[in-house]
Amino acid sequence: MNEDQNNSHNPRYDEEGETLVKEKLREPPLYKVILLNDDFTPMDFVVHILKKFFQKNEEEAQRIMWAVHSQGKGIAGLYPYDVAETKVYQVNQYSKQKEHPLKIVMEEDNAC
């Protein structure tokens, strides 16, 4: 075993060898899942999507739907990459199956 491998299993101490140095772990980035407005998807379908895939209650779903309608987009939630990617895929597939052109995308949340 080389020295690097040996050291990778040893805890790190300060220069005097007395205090264990804690390494800071960074949280993985979160991704915004965003619903995009279009001129064809019914508002009640957007509310349905928010309740079915994002577990929003009626009030939250209505608020987000109005943001989509009036501002062109609305944030359905913040998730780790894999979860966000899965939700985007599921909603796009479901919308296509129900013959609605609703689009949903994800982007890294820069606020983190």
PDB file of N, CA and C in Angstrom:
ATOM      1  N   MET A   1       0.859  -1.178   0.000  1.00  0.00           N
ATOM      2  CA  MET A   1       0.000   0.000   0.000  1.00  0.00           C
ATOM      3  C   MET A   1       0.898   1.231   0.000  1.00  0.00           C
ATOM      4  N   ASN A   2       0.574   2.197  -0.875  1.00  0.00           N
ATOM      5  CA  ASN A   2       1.409   3.389  -0.907  1.00  0.00           C
ATOM      6  C   ASN A   2       0.975   4.363   0.190  1.00  0.00           C
ATOM      7  N   GLU A   3       1.751   5.424   0.355  1.00  0.00           N
ATOM      8  CA  GLU A   3       1.520   6.373   1.446  1.00  0.00           C
ATOM      9  C   GLU A   3       0.177   7.092   1.310  1.00  0.00           C
ATOM     10  N   ASP A   4      -0.243   7.440   0.074  1.00  0.00           N
ATOM     11  CA  ASP A   4      -1.513   8.128  -0.126  1.00  0.00           C
ATOM     12  C   ASP A   4      -2.685   7.260   0.316  1.00  0.00           C
ATOM     13  N   GLN A   5      -2.639   5.983  -0.017  1.00  0.00           N
ATOM     14  CA  GLN A   5      -3.722   5.091   0.377  1.00  0.00           C
ATOM     15  C   GLN A   5      -3.774   4.953   1.894  1.00  0.00           C
ATOM     16  N   ASN A   6      -2.610   4.838   2.514  1.00  0.00           N
ATOM     17  CA  ASN A   6      -2.535   4.696   3.953  1.00  0.00           C
ATOM     18  C   ASN A   6      -3.096   5.931   4.649  1.00  0.00           C
ATOM     19  N   ASN A   7      -2.754   7.133   4.154  1.00  0.00           N
ATOM     20  CA  ASN A   7      -3.209   8.376   4.771  1.00  0.00           C
ATOM     21  C   ASN A   7      -4.696   8.628   4.552  1.00  0.00           C
ATOM     22  N   SER A   8      -5.263   8.052   3.501  1.00  0.00           N
ATOM     23  CA  SER A   8      -6.664   8.321   3.219  1.00  0.00           C
ATOM     24  C   SER A   8      -7.585   7.700   4.267  1.00  0.00           C
ATOM     25  N   HIS A   9      -7.084   6.739   5.028  1.00  0.00           N
ATOM     26  CA  HIS A   9      -7.902   6.099   6.051  1.00  0.00           C
ATOM     27  C   HIS A   9      -7.627   6.652   7.444  1.00  0.00           C
ATOM     28  N   ASN A  10      -6.640   7.510   7.565  1.00  0.00           N
ATOM     29  CA  ASN A  10      -6.294   8.082   8.860  1.00  0.00           C
ATOM     30  C   ASN A  10      -6.994   9.415   9.047  1.00  0.00           C
ATOM     31  N   PRO A  11      -7.461   9.693  10.273  1.00  0.00           N
ATOM     32  CA  PRO A  11      -8.061  11.006  10.513  1.00  0.00           C
ATOM     33  C   PRO A  11      -6.997  12.090  10.408  1.00  0.00           C
ATOM     34  N   ARG A  12      -7.405  13.298  10.097  1.00  0.00           N
ATOM     35  CA  ARG A  12      -6.457  14.413   9.969  1.00  0.00           C
ATOM     36  C   ARG A  12      -6.394  15.188  11.281  1.00  0.00           C
ATOM     37  N   TYR A  13      -5.173  15.538  11.676  1.00  0.00           N
ATOM     38  CA  TYR A  13      -4.958  16.303  12.900  1.00  0.00           C
ATOM     39  C   TYR A  13      -4.251  17.596  12.558  1.00  0.00           C
ATOM     40  N   ASP A  14      -4.310  18.575  13.480  1.00  0.00           N
ATOM     41  CA  ASP A  14      -3.611  19.831  13.264  1.00  0.00           C
ATOM     42  C   ASP A  14      -2.108  19.611  13.372  1.00  0.00           C
ATOM     43  N   GLU A  15      -1.334  20.703  13.213  1.00  0.00           N
ATOM     44  CA  GLU A  15       0.126  20.603  13.172  1.00  0.00           C
ATOM     45  C   GLU A  15       0.729  19.962  14.422  1.00  0.00           C
ATOM     46  N   GLU A  16       0.107  20.169  15.572  1.00  0.00           N
ATOM     47  CA  GLU A  16       0.622  19.592  16.807  1.00  0.00           C
ATOM     48  C   GLU A  16       0.184  18.142  16.986  1.00  0.00           C
ATOM     49  N   GLY A  17      -0.668  17.683  16.103  1.00  0.00           N
ATOM     50  CA  GLY A  17      -1.136  16.306  16.185  1.00  0.00           C
ATOM     51  C   GLY A  17      -2.138  16.072  17.301  1.00  0.00           C
ATOM     52  N   GLU A  18      -2.782  17.148  17.766  1.00  0.00           N
ATOM     53  CA  GLU A  18      -3.659  17.002  18.912  1.00  0.00           C
ATOM     54  C   GLU A  18      -5.156  17.084  18.584  1.00  0.00           C
ATOM     55  N   THR A  19      -5.524  17.967  17.703  1.00  0.00           N
ATOM     56  CA  THR A  19      -6.947  18.210  17.452  1.00  0.00           C
ATOM     57  C   THR A  19      -7.343  17.636  16.103  1.00  0.00           C
ATOM     58  N   LEU A  20      -8.402  16.876  16.121  1.00  0.00           N
ATOM     59  CA  LEU A  20      -8.919  16.321  14.892  1.00  0.00           C
ATOM     60  C   LEU A  20      -9.496  17.454  14.037  1.00  0.00           C
ATOM     61  N   VAL A  21      -9.063  17.551  12.794  1.00  0.00           N
ATOM     62  CA  VAL A  21      -9.537  18.583  11.876  1.00  0.00           C
ATOM     63  C   VAL A  21     -10.754  18.037  11.135  1.00  0.00           C
ATOM     64  N   LYS A  22     -11.846  18.771  11.225  1.00  0.00           N
ATOM     65  CA  LYS A  22     -13.056  18.357  10.525  1.00  0.00           C
ATOM     66  C   LYS A  22     -13.051  18.962   9.130  1.00  0.00           C
ATOM     67  N   GLU A  23     -13.213  18.111   8.147  1.00  0.00           N
ATOM     68  CA  GLU A  23     -13.303  18.597   6.780  1.00  0.00           C
ATOM     69  C   GLU A  23     -14.755  18.937   6.495  1.00  0.00           C
ATOM     70  N   LYS A  24     -14.962  20.080   5.862  1.00  0.00           N
ATOM     71  CA  LYS A  24     -16.319  20.511   5.534  1.00  0.00           C
ATOM     72  C   LYS A  24     -16.776  19.790   4.272  1.00  0.00           C
ATOM     73  N   LEU A  25     -17.945  19.181   4.381  1.00  0.00           N
ATOM     74  CA  LEU A  25     -18.555  18.555   3.224  1.00  0.00           C
ATOM     75  C   LEU A  25     -19.578  19.516   2.651  1.00  0.00           C
ATOM     76  N   ARG A  26     -19.546  19.672   1.339  1.00  0.00           N
ATOM     77  CA  ARG A  26     -20.512  20.554   0.702  1.00  0.00           C
ATOM     78  C   ARG A  26     -21.763  19.771   0.357  1.00  0.00           C
ATOM     79  N   GLU A  27     -22.884  20.411   0.577  1.00  0.00           N
ATOM     80  CA  GLU A  27     -24.154  19.824   0.186  1.00  0.00           C
ATOM     81  C   GLU A  27     -24.197  19.762  -1.338  1.00  0.00           C
ATOM     82  N   PRO A  28     -24.799  18.716  -1.896  1.00  0.00           N
ATOM     83  CA  PRO A  28     -24.929  18.689  -3.356  1.00  0.00           C
ATOM     84  C   PRO A  28     -25.867  19.809  -3.795  1.00  0.00           C
ATOM     85  N   PRO A  29     -25.661  20.340  -5.000  1.00  0.00           N
ATOM     86  CA  PRO A  29     -26.530  21.429  -5.450  1.00  0.00           C
ATOM     87  C   PRO A  29     -27.968  20.955  -5.633  1.00  0.00           C
ATOM     88  N   LEU A  30     -28.882  21.884  -5.464  1.00  0.00           N
ATOM     89  CA  LEU A  30     -30.290  21.601  -5.706  1.00  0.00           C
ATOM     90  C   LEU A  30     -30.673  22.161  -7.070  1.00  0.00           C
ATOM     91  N   TYR A  31     -31.712  21.572  -7.631  1.00  0.00           N
ATOM     92  CA  TYR A  31     -32.190  21.980  -8.947  1.00  0.00           C
ATOM     93  C   TYR A  31     -33.646  22.394  -8.866  1.00  0.00           C
ATOM     94  N   LYS A  32     -33.944  23.527  -9.520  1.00  0.00           N
ATOM     95  CA  LYS A  32     -35.318  24.000  -9.601  1.00  0.00           C
ATOM     96  C   LYS A  32     -36.024  23.214 -10.700  1.00  0.00           C
ATOM     97  N   VAL A  33     -37.203  22.728 -10.401  1.00  0.00           N
ATOM     98  CA  VAL A  33     -38.058  22.105 -11.407  1.00  0.00           C
ATOM     99  C   VAL A  33     -39.081  23.170 -11.781  1.00  0.00           C
ATOM    100  N   ILE A  34     -39.085  23.546 -13.067  1.00  0.00           N
ATOM    101  CA  ILE A  34     -39.833  24.705 -13.527  1.00  0.00           C
ATOM    102  C   ILE A  34     -40.864  24.308 -14.586  1.00  0.00           C
ATOM    103  N   LEU A  35     -42.103  24.716 -14.356  1.00  0.00           N
ATOM    104  CA  LEU A  35     -43.165  24.546 -15.347  1.00  0.00           C
ATOM    105  C   LEU A  35     -43.168  25.774 -16.250  1.00  0.00           C
ATOM    106  N   LEU A  36     -43.286  25.546 -17.555  1.00  0.00           N
ATOM    107  CA  LEU A  36     -43.270  26.634 -18.529  1.00  0.00           C
ATOM    108  C   LEU A  36     -44.669  26.851 -19.104  1.00  0.00           C
ATOM    109  N   ASN A  37     -45.003  28.104 -19.312  1.00  0.00           N
ATOM    110  CA  ASN A  37     -46.314  28.448 -19.851  1.00  0.00           C
ATOM    111  C   ASN A  37     -46.400  28.124 -21.345  1.00  0.00           C
ATOM    112  N   ASP A  38     -47.600  27.771 -21.768  1.00  0.00           N
ATOM    113  CA  ASP A  38     -47.909  27.649 -23.189  1.00  0.00           C
ATOM    114  C   ASP A  38     -49.358  28.094 -23.361  1.00  0.00           C
ATOM    115  N   ASP A  39     -49.785  28.246 -24.585  1.00  0.00           N
ATOM    116  CA  ASP A  39     -51.136  28.753 -24.847  1.00  0.00           C
ATOM    117  C   ASP A  39     -52.192  27.662 -24.947  1.00  0.00           C
ATOM    118  N   PHE A  40     -51.831  26.414 -24.685  1.00  0.00           N
ATOM    119  CA  PHE A  40     -52.751  25.317 -24.944  1.00  0.00           C
ATOM    120  C   PHE A  40     -53.080  24.451 -23.725  1.00  0.00           C
ATOM    121  N   THR A  41     -52.162  24.309 -22.793  1.00  0.00           N
ATOM    122  CA  THR A  41     -52.395  23.449 -21.628  1.00  0.00           C
ATOM    123  C   THR A  41     -53.403  24.100 -20.688  1.00  0.00           C
ATOM    124  N   PRO A  42     -54.475  23.405 -20.337  1.00  0.00           N
ATOM    125  CA  PRO A  42     -55.466  23.980 -19.421  1.00  0.00           C
ATOM    126  C   PRO A  42     -54.885  24.208 -18.024  1.00  0.00           C
ATOM    127  N   MET A  43     -55.362  25.254 -17.386  1.00  0.00           N
ATOM    128  CA  MET A  43     -54.880  25.593 -16.041  1.00  0.00           C
ATOM    129  C   MET A  43     -55.169  24.470 -15.048  1.00  0.00           C
ATOM    130  N   ASP A  44     -56.307  23.819 -15.194  1.00  0.00           N
ATOM    131  CA  ASP A  44     -56.631  22.744 -14.250  1.00  0.00           C
ATOM    132  C   ASP A  44     -55.691  21.552 -14.412  1.00  0.00           C
ATOM    133  N   PHE A  45     -55.142  21.344 -15.611  1.00  0.00           N
ATOM    134  CA  PHE A  45     -54.163  20.276 -15.805  1.00  0.00           C
ATOM    135  C   PHE A  45     -52.856  20.611 -15.085  1.00  0.00           C
ATOM    136  N   VAL A  46     -52.459  21.870 -15.116  1.00  0.00           N
ATOM    137  CA  VAL A  46     -51.244  22.308 -14.404  1.00  0.00           C
ATOM    138  C   VAL A  46     -51.426  22.077 -12.904  1.00  0.00           C
ATOM    139  N   VAL A  47     -52.587  22.430 -12.380  1.00  0.00           N
ATOM    140  CA  VAL A  47     -52.883  22.200 -10.958  1.00  0.00           C
ATOM    141  C   VAL A  47     -52.827  20.699 -10.656  1.00  0.00           C
ATOM    142  N   HIS A  48     -53.413  19.910 -11.537  1.00  0.00           N
ATOM    143  CA  HIS A  48     -53.388  18.449 -11.379  1.00  0.00           C
ATOM    144  C   HIS A  48     -51.953  17.928 -11.314  1.00  0.00           C
ATOM    145  N   ILE A  49     -51.106  18.394 -12.207  1.00  0.00           N
ATOM    146  CA  ILE A  49     -49.685  17.987 -12.243  1.00  0.00           C
ATOM    147  C   ILE A  49     -49.011  18.336 -10.915  1.00  0.00           C
ATOM    148  N   LEU A  50     -49.226  19.543 -10.440  1.00  0.00           N
ATOM    149  CA  LEU A  50     -48.583  19.985  -9.201  1.00  0.00           C
ATOM    150  C   LEU A  50     -49.024  19.151  -8.000  1.00  0.00           C
ATOM    151  N   LYS A  51     -50.269  18.742  -7.990  1.00  0.00           N
ATOM    152  CA  LYS A  51     -50.764  17.918  -6.889  1.00  0.00           C
ATOM    153  C   LYS A  51     -50.281  16.473  -7.025  1.00  0.00           C
ATOM    154  N   LYS A  52     -50.325  15.934  -8.231  1.00  0.00           N
ATOM    155  CA  LYS A  52     -49.980  14.530  -8.457  1.00  0.00           C
ATOM    156  C   LYS A  52     -48.483  14.257  -8.321  1.00  0.00           C
ATOM    157  N   PHE A  53     -47.642  15.104  -8.915  1.00  0.00           N
ATOM    158  CA  PHE A  53     -46.206  14.827  -8.957  1.00  0.00           C
ATOM    159  C   PHE A  53     -45.391  15.575  -7.913  1.00  0.00           C
ATOM    160  N   PHE A  54     -45.956  16.655  -7.372  1.00  0.00           N
ATOM    161  CA  PHE A  54     -45.184  17.481  -6.436  1.00  0.00           C
ATOM    162  C   PHE A  54     -45.841  17.597  -5.062  1.00  0.00           C
ATOM    163  N   GLN A  55     -46.920  16.836  -4.851  1.00  0.00           N
ATOM    164  CA  GLN A  55     -47.623  16.778  -3.570  1.00  0.00           C
ATOM    165  C   GLN A  55     -47.989  18.162  -3.038  1.00  0.00           C
ATOM    166  N   LYS A  56     -48.378  19.060  -3.934  1.00  0.00           N
ATOM    167  CA  LYS A  56     -48.831  20.394  -3.516  1.00  0.00           C
ATOM    168  C   LYS A  56     -50.301  20.312  -3.123  1.00  0.00           C
ATOM    169  N   ASN A  57     -50.667  21.092  -2.130  1.00  0.00           N
ATOM    170  CA  ASN A  57     -52.081  21.172  -1.801  1.00  0.00           C
ATOM    171  C   ASN A  57     -52.758  22.107  -2.805  1.00  0.00           C
ATOM    172  N   GLU A  58     -54.056  22.210  -2.744  1.00  0.00           N
ATOM    173  CA  GLU A  58     -54.816  23.007  -3.724  1.00  0.00           C
ATOM    174  C   GLU A  58     -54.341  24.458  -3.773  1.00  0.00           C
ATOM    175  N   GLU A  59     -54.143  25.052  -2.611  1.00  0.00           N
ATOM    176  CA  GLU A  59     -53.725  26.461  -2.552  1.00  0.00           C
ATOM    177  C   GLU A  59     -52.348  26.675  -3.179  1.00  0.00           C
ATOM    178  N   GLU A  60     -51.390  25.829  -2.825  1.00  0.00           N
ATOM    179  CA  GLU A  60     -50.046  25.948  -3.402  1.00  0.00           C
ATOM    180  C   GLU A  60     -50.077  25.720  -4.910  1.00  0.00           C
ATOM    181  N   ALA A  61     -50.824  24.713  -5.333  1.00  0.00           N
ATOM    182  CA  ALA A  61     -50.907  24.392  -6.759  1.00  0.00           C
ATOM    183  C   ALA A  61     -51.515  25.558  -7.538  1.00  0.00           C
ATOM    184  N   GLN A  62     -52.549  26.175  -6.990  1.00  0.00           N
ATOM    185  CA  GLN A  62     -53.165  27.325  -7.645  1.00  0.00           C
ATOM    186  C   GLN A  62     -52.178  28.492  -7.750  1.00  0.00           C
ATOM    187  N   ARG A  63     -51.455  28.744  -6.663  1.00  0.00           N
ATOM    188  CA  ARG A  63     -50.478  29.855  -6.648  1.00  0.00           C
ATOM    189  C   ARG A  63     -49.409  29.642  -7.710  1.00  0.00           C
ATOM    190  N   ILE A  64     -48.863  28.435  -7.796  1.00  0.00           N
ATOM    191  CA  ILE A  64     -47.817  28.141  -8.783  1.00  0.00           C
ATOM    192  C   ILE A  64     -48.399  28.205 -10.193  1.00  0.00           C
ATOM    193  N   MET A  65     -49.604  27.678 -10.384  1.00  0.00           N
ATOM    194  CA  MET A  65     -50.245  27.717 -11.700  1.00  0.00           C
ATOM    195  C   MET A  65     -50.403  29.160 -12.169  1.00  0.00           C
ATOM    196  N   TRP A  66     -50.814  30.069 -11.261  1.00  0.00           N
ATOM    197  CA  TRP A  66     -50.968  31.473 -11.651  1.00  0.00           C
ATOM    198  C   TRP A  66     -49.626  32.110 -11.978  1.00  0.00           C
ATOM    199  N   ALA A  67     -48.564  31.703 -11.304  1.00  0.00           N
ATOM    200  CA  ALA A  67     -47.225  32.200 -11.651  1.00  0.00           C
ATOM    201  C   ALA A  67     -46.850  31.744 -13.065  1.00  0.00           C
ATOM    202  N   VAL A  68     -47.136  30.487 -13.371  1.00  0.00           N
ATOM    203  CA  VAL A  68     -46.864  29.974 -14.718  1.00  0.00           C
ATOM    204  C   VAL A  68     -47.657  30.793 -15.737  1.00  0.00           C
ATOM    205  N   HIS A  69     -48.917  31.011 -15.472  1.00  0.00           N
ATOM    206  CA  HIS A  69     -49.802  31.713 -16.399  1.00  0.00           C
ATOM    207  C   HIS A  69     -49.410  33.182 -16.576  1.00  0.00           C
ATOM    208  N   SER A  70     -49.088  33.866 -15.482  1.00  0.00           N
ATOM    209  CA  SER A  70     -48.840  35.312 -15.560  1.00  0.00           C
ATOM    210  C   SER A  70     -47.373  35.690 -15.789  1.00  0.00           C
ATOM    211  N   GLN A  71     -46.449  34.846 -15.332  1.00  0.00           N
ATOM    212  CA  GLN A  71     -45.028  35.179 -15.446  1.00  0.00           C
ATOM    213  C   GLN A  71     -44.286  34.307 -16.453  1.00  0.00           C
ATOM    214  N   GLY A  72     -44.982  33.328 -17.009  1.00  0.00           N
ATOM    215  CA  GLY A  72     -44.365  32.475 -18.017  1.00  0.00           C
ATOM    216  C   GLY A  72     -43.708  31.227 -17.466  1.00  0.00           C
ATOM    217  N   LYS A  73     -43.535  31.183 -16.150  1.00  0.00           N
ATOM    218  CA  LYS A  73     -42.953  29.984 -15.529  1.00  0.00           C
ATOM    219  C   LYS A  73     -43.246  29.998 -14.040  1.00  0.00           C
ATOM    220  N   GLY A  74     -43.171  28.817 -13.458  1.00  0.00           N
ATOM    221  CA  GLY A  74     -43.385  28.683 -12.026  1.00  0.00           C
ATOM    222  C   GLY A  74     -42.555  27.545 -11.484  1.00  0.00           C
ATOM    223  N   ILE A  75     -42.004  27.722 -10.306  1.00  0.00           N
ATOM    224  CA  ILE A  75     -41.141  26.713  -9.701  1.00  0.00           C
ATOM    225  C   ILE A  75     -41.997  25.722  -8.917  1.00  0.00           C
ATOM    226  N   ALA A  76     -41.919  24.467  -9.331  1.00  0.00           N
ATOM    227  CA  ALA A  76     -42.676  23.406  -8.661  1.00  0.00           C
ATOM    228  C   ALA A  76     -41.956  22.907  -7.417  1.00  0.00           C
ATOM    229  N   GLY A  77     -40.629  23.028  -7.384  1.00  0.00           N
ATOM    230  CA  GLY A  77     -39.875  22.576  -6.219  1.00  0.00           C
ATOM    231  C   GLY A  77     -38.384  22.580  -6.448  1.00  0.00           C
ATOM    232  N   LEU A  78     -37.636  22.343  -5.375  1.00  0.00           N
ATOM    233  CA  LEU A  78     -36.178  22.223  -5.395  1.00  0.00           C
ATOM    234  C   LEU A  78     -35.809  20.814  -4.978  1.00  0.00           C
ATOM    235  N   TYR A  79     -34.964  20.167  -5.774  1.00  0.00           N
ATOM    236  CA  TYR A  79     -34.639  18.764  -5.539  1.00  0.00           C
ATOM    237  C   TYR A  79     -33.180  18.490  -5.885  1.00  0.00           C
ATOM    238  N   PRO A  80     -32.621  17.416  -5.328  1.00  0.00           N
ATOM    239  CA  PRO A  80     -31.320  16.945  -5.804  1.00  0.00           C
ATOM    240  C   PRO A  80     -31.446  16.562  -7.284  1.00  0.00           C
ATOM    241  N   TYR A  81     -30.332  16.533  -7.975  1.00  0.00           N
ATOM    242  CA  TYR A  81     -30.307  16.323  -9.426  1.00  0.00           C
ATOM    243  C   TYR A  81     -31.141  15.123  -9.872  1.00  0.00           C
ATOM    244  N   ASP A  82     -30.914  13.969  -9.276  1.00  0.00           N
ATOM    245  CA  ASP A  82     -31.594  12.747  -9.718  1.00  0.00           C
ATOM    246  C   ASP A  82     -33.109  12.838  -9.546  1.00  0.00           C
ATOM    247  N   VAL A  83     -33.547  13.414  -8.448  1.00  0.00           N
ATOM    248  CA  VAL A  83     -34.978  13.552  -8.202  1.00  0.00           C
ATOM    249  C   VAL A  83     -35.586  14.543  -9.205  1.00  0.00           C
ATOM    250  N   ALA A  84     -34.918  15.679  -9.416  1.00  0.00           N
ATOM    251  CA  ALA A  84     -35.407  16.674 -10.369  1.00  0.00           C
ATOM    252  C   ALA A  84     -35.493  16.084 -11.773  1.00  0.00           C
ATOM    253  N   GLU A  85     -34.470  15.370 -12.170  1.00  0.00           N
ATOM    254  CA  GLU A  85     -34.441  14.758 -13.504  1.00  0.00           C
ATOM    255  C   GLU A  85     -35.593  13.763 -13.671  1.00  0.00           C
ATOM    256  N   THR A  86     -35.849  12.977 -12.651  1.00  0.00           N
ATOM    257  CA  THR A  86     -36.943  11.997 -12.698  1.00  0.00           C
ATOM    258  C   THR A  86     -38.295  12.695 -12.795  1.00  0.00           C
ATOM    259  N   LYS A  87     -38.502  13.747 -12.016  1.00  0.00           N
ATOM    260  CA  LYS A  87     -39.770  14.471 -12.057  1.00  0.00           C
ATOM    261  C   LYS A  87     -40.000  15.107 -13.425  1.00  0.00           C
ATOM    262  N   VAL A  88     -38.970  15.693 -13.999  1.00  0.00           N
ATOM    263  CA  VAL A  88     -39.085  16.287 -15.337  1.00  0.00           C
ATOM    264  C   VAL A  88     -39.490  15.218 -16.343  1.00  0.00           C
ATOM    265  N   TYR A  89     -38.834  14.093 -16.293  1.00  0.00           N
ATOM    266  CA  TYR A  89     -39.155  13.004 -17.222  1.00  0.00           C
ATOM    267  C   TYR A  89     -40.597  12.524 -17.031  1.00  0.00           C
ATOM    268  N   GLN A  90     -40.980  12.288 -15.789  1.00  0.00           N
ATOM    269  CA  GLN A  90     -42.324  11.782 -15.505  1.00  0.00           C
ATOM    270  C   GLN A  90     -43.414  12.745 -15.969  1.00  0.00           C
ATOM    271  N   VAL A  91     -43.243  14.024 -15.672  1.00  0.00           N
ATOM    272  CA  VAL A  91     -44.257  15.004 -16.047  1.00  0.00           C
ATOM    273  C   VAL A  91     -44.312  15.163 -17.564  1.00  0.00           C
ATOM    274  N   ASN A  92     -43.167  15.212 -18.228  1.00  0.00           N
ATOM    275  CA  ASN A  92     -43.171  15.338 -19.685  1.00  0.00           C
ATOM    276  C   ASN A  92     -43.847  14.130 -20.331  1.00  0.00           C
ATOM    277  N   GLN A  93     -43.583  12.941 -19.818  1.00  0.00           N
ATOM    278  CA  GLN A  93     -44.212  11.731 -20.357  1.00  0.00           C
ATOM    279  C   GLN A  93     -45.716  11.737 -20.103  1.00  0.00           C
ATOM    280  N   TYR A  94     -46.114  12.079 -18.895  1.00  0.00           N
ATOM    281  CA  TYR A  94     -47.521  12.105 -18.521  1.00  0.00           C
ATOM    282  C   TYR A  94     -48.281  13.136 -19.364  1.00  0.00           C
ATOM    283  N   SER A  95     -47.688  14.314 -19.533  1.00  0.00           N
ATOM    284  CA  SER A  95     -48.326  15.365 -20.328  1.00  0.00           C
ATOM    285  C   SER A  95     -48.506  14.920 -21.775  1.00  0.00           C
ATOM    286  N   LYS A  96     -47.491  14.297 -22.313  1.00  0.00           N
ATOM    287  CA  LYS A  96     -47.573  13.790 -23.683  1.00  0.00           C
ATOM    288  C   LYS A  96     -48.671  12.729 -23.798  1.00  0.00           C
ATOM    289  N   GLN A  97     -48.731  11.838 -22.823  1.00  0.00           N
ATOM    290  CA  GLN A  97     -49.743  10.776 -22.802  1.00  0.00           C
ATOM    291  C   GLN A  97     -51.159  11.370 -22.749  1.00  0.00           C
ATOM    292  N   LYS A  98     -51.313  12.459 -22.013  1.00  0.00           N
ATOM    293  CA  LYS A  98     -52.618  13.114 -21.880  1.00  0.00           C
ATOM    294  C   LYS A  98     -52.859  14.138 -22.998  1.00  0.00           C
ATOM    295  N   GLU A  99     -51.927  14.201 -23.946  1.00  0.00           N
ATOM    296  CA  GLU A  99     -52.011  15.071 -25.131  1.00  0.00           C
ATOM    297  C   GLU A  99     -52.043  16.555 -24.783  1.00  0.00           C
ATOM    298  N   HIS A 100     -51.211  16.928 -23.807  1.00  0.00           N
ATOM    299  CA  HIS A 100     -51.015  18.333 -23.460  1.00  0.00           C
ATOM    300  C   HIS A 100     -49.559  18.697 -23.745  1.00  0.00           C
ATOM    301  N   PRO A 101     -49.327  19.897 -24.281  1.00  0.00           N
ATOM    302  CA  PRO A 101     -47.957  20.287 -24.623  1.00  0.00           C
ATOM    303  C   PRO A 101     -47.152  20.868 -23.454  1.00  0.00           C
ATOM    304  N   LEU A 102     -47.635  20.730 -22.227  1.00  0.00           N
ATOM    305  CA  LEU A 102     -46.945  21.279 -21.061  1.00  0.00           C
ATOM    306  C   LEU A 102     -45.485  20.844 -21.052  1.00  0.00           C
ATOM    307  N   LYS A 103     -44.608  21.791 -20.840  1.00  0.00           N
ATOM    308  CA  LYS A 103     -43.178  21.497 -20.733  1.00  0.00           C
ATOM    309  C   LYS A 103     -42.698  21.840 -19.336  1.00  0.00           C
ATOM    310  N   ILE A 104     -41.753  21.044 -18.896  1.00  0.00           N
ATOM    311  CA  ILE A 104     -41.170  21.223 -17.579  1.00  0.00           C
ATOM    312  C   ILE A 104     -39.678  21.012 -17.732  1.00  0.00           C
ATOM    313  N   VAL A 105     -38.898  21.863 -17.091  1.00  0.00           N
ATOM    314  CA  VAL A 105     -37.443  21.801 -17.205  1.00  0.00           C
ATOM    315  C   VAL A 105     -36.822  21.893 -15.818  1.00  0.00           C
ATOM    316  N   MET A 106     -35.513  21.721 -15.765  1.00  0.00           N
ATOM    317  CA  MET A 106     -34.798  21.875 -14.505  1.00  0.00           C
ATOM    318  C   MET A 106     -33.571  22.742 -14.735  1.00  0.00           C
ATOM    319  N   GLU A 107     -33.203  23.471 -13.705  1.00  0.00           N
ATOM    320  CA  GLU A 107     -31.967  24.258 -13.761  1.00  0.00           C
ATOM    321  C   GLU A 107     -31.375  24.338 -12.365  1.00  0.00           C
ATOM    322  N   GLU A 108     -30.069  24.413 -12.315  1.00  0.00           N
ATOM    323  CA  GLU A 108     -29.392  24.472 -11.017  1.00  0.00           C
ATOM    324  C   GLU A 108     -29.806  25.729 -10.261  1.00  0.00           C
ATOM    325  N   ASP A 109     -30.064  25.571  -8.981  1.00  0.00           N
ATOM    326  CA  ASP A 109     -30.443  26.687  -8.125  1.00  0.00           C
ATOM    327  C   ASP A 109     -29.172  27.391  -7.678  1.00  0.00           C
ATOM    328  N   ASN A 110     -28.987  28.613  -8.116  1.00  0.00           N
ATOM    329  CA  ASN A 110     -27.770  29.368  -7.785  1.00  0.00           C
ATOM    330  C   ASN A 110     -27.823  29.995  -6.409  1.00  0.00           C
ATOM    331  N   ALA A 111     -28.951  29.905  -5.739  1.00  0.00           N
ATOM    332  CA  ALA A 111     -29.085  30.487  -4.405  1.00  0.00           C
ATOM    333  C   ALA A 111     -28.403  29.657  -3.335  1.00  0.00           C
ATOM    334  N   CYS A 112     -28.065  28.420  -3.649  1.00  0.00           N
ATOM    335  CA  CYS A 112     -27.466  27.524  -2.651  1.00  0.00           C
ATOM    336  C   CYS A 112     -26.046  27.889  -2.358  1.00  0.00           C
TER     337      CYS A 112
END
